[in-house]
Amino acid sequence: VKKRLPPSMSLGQVKVLVHNLMKIPPAKQMIFLERSADDPVPEEITDDDKTLSYHGVTSGSTLFVEEYDEKVHRPRNGDGDAEPSSYDAASIAEQEQRANDMVRLQREEHEREKLAAAGAQNKS
């Protein structure tokens, strides 16, 4: 799935969006960042509260989503990586609302840009 995401969207909001699109629960998502096509190894990004721009996501970056499976992946330990976040219903609802708001604002901005371009073209 290709999606253009605003840099101010948090990783948690991305996870809710992925949940809505792919039905993978946020707590089971592992998100990897490929900064460019030349990037040899995508890195996992884990701080749900930080924005995409904080994580280094820029135009042209690609995010990969993998479903966490205890049988395949070894659990993360206290050596710097926390266990996957547990999301309660209220947290998911809040993040979902924020993600929906971000998408709505992005669509509105895109429509304003189209109207402005059409207005400029009509004046020519």
Protein backbone atom coordinates (compact mmCIF):
# COMPACT_ATOMS: atom_id res chain seq x y z
CA VAL A 1 0.00 0.00 0.00
CA LYS A 2 1.43 3.37 -0.96
CA LYS A 3 0.46 6.34 1.16
CA ARG A 4 1.83 9.85 1.48
CA LEU A 5 2.09 10.69 5.18
CA PRO A 6 2.66 14.05 6.83
CA PRO A 7 6.01 14.33 8.68
CA SER A 8 4.16 15.51 11.79
CA MET A 9 2.29 12.21 12.12
CA SER A 10 3.47 10.10 15.04
CA LEU A 11 4.58 6.51 14.65
CA GLY A 12 1.64 5.54 16.88
CA GLN A 13 -0.74 7.22 14.44
CA VAL A 14 0.91 5.35 11.56
CA LYS A 15 0.35 2.09 13.43
CA VAL A 16 -3.35 2.87 13.85
CA LEU A 17 -3.57 3.69 10.14
CA VAL A 18 -1.85 0.38 9.32
CA HIS A 19 -4.28 -1.38 11.65
CA ASN A 20 -7.22 0.15 9.78
CA LEU A 21 -5.77 -0.77 6.38
CA MET A 22 -4.18 -4.14 7.06
CA LYS A 23 -5.87 -5.34 10.28
CA ILE A 24 -2.53 -5.84 12.07
CA PRO A 25 -2.91 -4.79 15.73
CA PRO A 26 -0.58 -1.88 16.62
CA ALA A 27 1.14 -3.88 19.36
CA LYS A 28 2.09 -6.56 16.80
CA GLN A 29 3.54 -4.17 14.24
CA MET A 30 7.23 -3.79 13.60
CA ILE A 31 7.92 -0.72 11.42
CA PHE A 32 11.15 -0.43 9.43
CA LEU A 33 12.50 2.66 7.68
CA GLU A 34 14.30 2.52 4.37
CA ARG A 35 15.69 6.04 3.90
CA SER A 36 16.46 5.52 0.20
CA ALA A 37 16.59 2.77 -2.40
CA ASP A 38 20.36 2.58 -1.72
CA ASP A 39 19.78 1.92 2.00
CA PRO A 40 21.25 -1.58 2.49
CA VAL A 41 19.35 -2.48 5.66
CA PRO A 42 16.13 -0.81 6.80
CA GLU A 43 16.19 0.10 10.49
CA GLU A 44 13.37 -0.57 12.92
CA ILE A 45 11.78 2.54 14.38
CA THR A 46 10.11 2.05 17.73
CA ASP A 47 9.13 5.28 19.52
CA ASP A 48 5.37 5.52 18.96
CA ASP A 49 5.15 9.01 20.48
CA LYS A 50 7.72 10.58 18.13
CA THR A 51 6.90 12.01 14.72
CA LEU A 52 7.96 10.56 11.40
CA SER A 53 10.30 13.52 10.89
CA TYR A 54 11.94 12.77 14.27
CA HIS A 55 12.60 9.24 13.02
CA GLY A 56 14.20 10.63 9.85
CA VAL A 57 11.36 9.86 7.45
CA THR A 58 11.62 12.21 4.47
CA SER A 59 10.08 12.42 1.02
CA GLY A 60 11.14 9.28 -0.79
CA SER A 61 11.52 7.18 2.35
CA THR A 62 9.73 3.86 2.56
CA LEU A 63 8.19 2.29 5.66
CA PHE A 64 7.85 -1.47 5.83
CA VAL A 65 5.45 -3.17 8.22
CA GLU A 66 6.03 -6.64 9.57
CA GLU A 67 3.71 -8.44 11.93
CA TYR A 68 5.43 -9.44 15.18
CA ASP A 69 5.16 -13.16 15.77
CA GLU A 70 6.55 -14.66 18.98
CA LYS A 71 7.33 -17.90 17.12
CA VAL A 72 9.56 -16.12 14.60
CA HIS A 73 10.89 -13.05 16.43
CA ARG A 74 12.68 -13.23 19.70
CA PRO A 75 11.10 -10.98 22.34
CA ARG A 76 12.86 -7.69 22.90
CA ASN A 77 14.59 -7.35 26.23
CA GLY A 78 15.70 -4.64 28.63
CA ASP A 79 18.91 -3.96 26.68
CA GLY A 80 17.48 -0.81 25.11
CA ASP A 81 14.46 -2.17 23.29
CA ALA A 82 11.19 -2.40 25.14
CA GLU A 83 8.55 -5.07 24.68
CA PRO A 84 6.04 -4.14 21.98
CA SER A 85 3.63 -1.54 23.33
CA SER A 86 0.34 -2.70 24.72
CA TYR A 87 -2.49 -0.59 23.37
CA ASP A 88 -5.73 -0.31 25.23
CA ALA A 89 -9.00 0.58 23.50
CA ALA A 90 -8.86 4.24 24.64
CA SER A 91 -5.30 4.67 23.35
CA ILE A 92 -6.19 3.13 20.00
CA ALA A 93 -9.28 5.31 19.70
CA GLU A 94 -7.27 8.45 20.51
CA GLN A 95 -4.50 7.60 18.06
CA GLU A 96 -7.08 6.68 15.42
CA GLN A 97 -8.80 10.04 15.84
CA ARG A 98 -5.48 11.86 15.50
CA ALA A 99 -4.57 9.83 12.41
CA ASN A 100 -7.97 10.52 10.85
CA ASP A 101 -7.58 14.23 11.62
CA MET A 102 -4.14 14.27 10.00
CA VAL A 103 -5.44 12.53 6.88
CA ARG A 104 -8.42 14.90 6.70
CA LEU A 105 -6.16 17.94 7.02
CA GLN A 106 -3.84 16.56 4.36
CA ARG A 107 -6.80 16.05 1.99
CA GLU A 108 -8.08 19.57 2.67
CA GLU A 109 -4.64 21.01 1.96
CA HIS A 110 -4.44 19.03 -1.27
CA GLU A 111 -7.87 20.33 -2.34
CA ARG A 112 -6.83 23.94 -1.54
CA GLU A 113 -3.70 23.47 -3.65
CA LYS A 114 -5.76 22.10 -6.55
CA LEU A 115 -8.23 25.00 -6.32
CA ALA A 116 -5.41 27.55 -6.18
CA ALA A 117 -3.74 25.97 -9.21
CA ALA A 118 -7.03 25.92 -11.12
CA GLY A 119 -7.68 29.57 -10.19
CA ALA A 120 -4.21 30.58 -11.35
CA GLN A 121 -4.70 28.69 -14.60
CA ASN A 122 -8.08 30.38 -15.22
CA LYS A 123 -6.52 33.84 -14.77
CA SER A 124 -3.91 33.07 -17.44
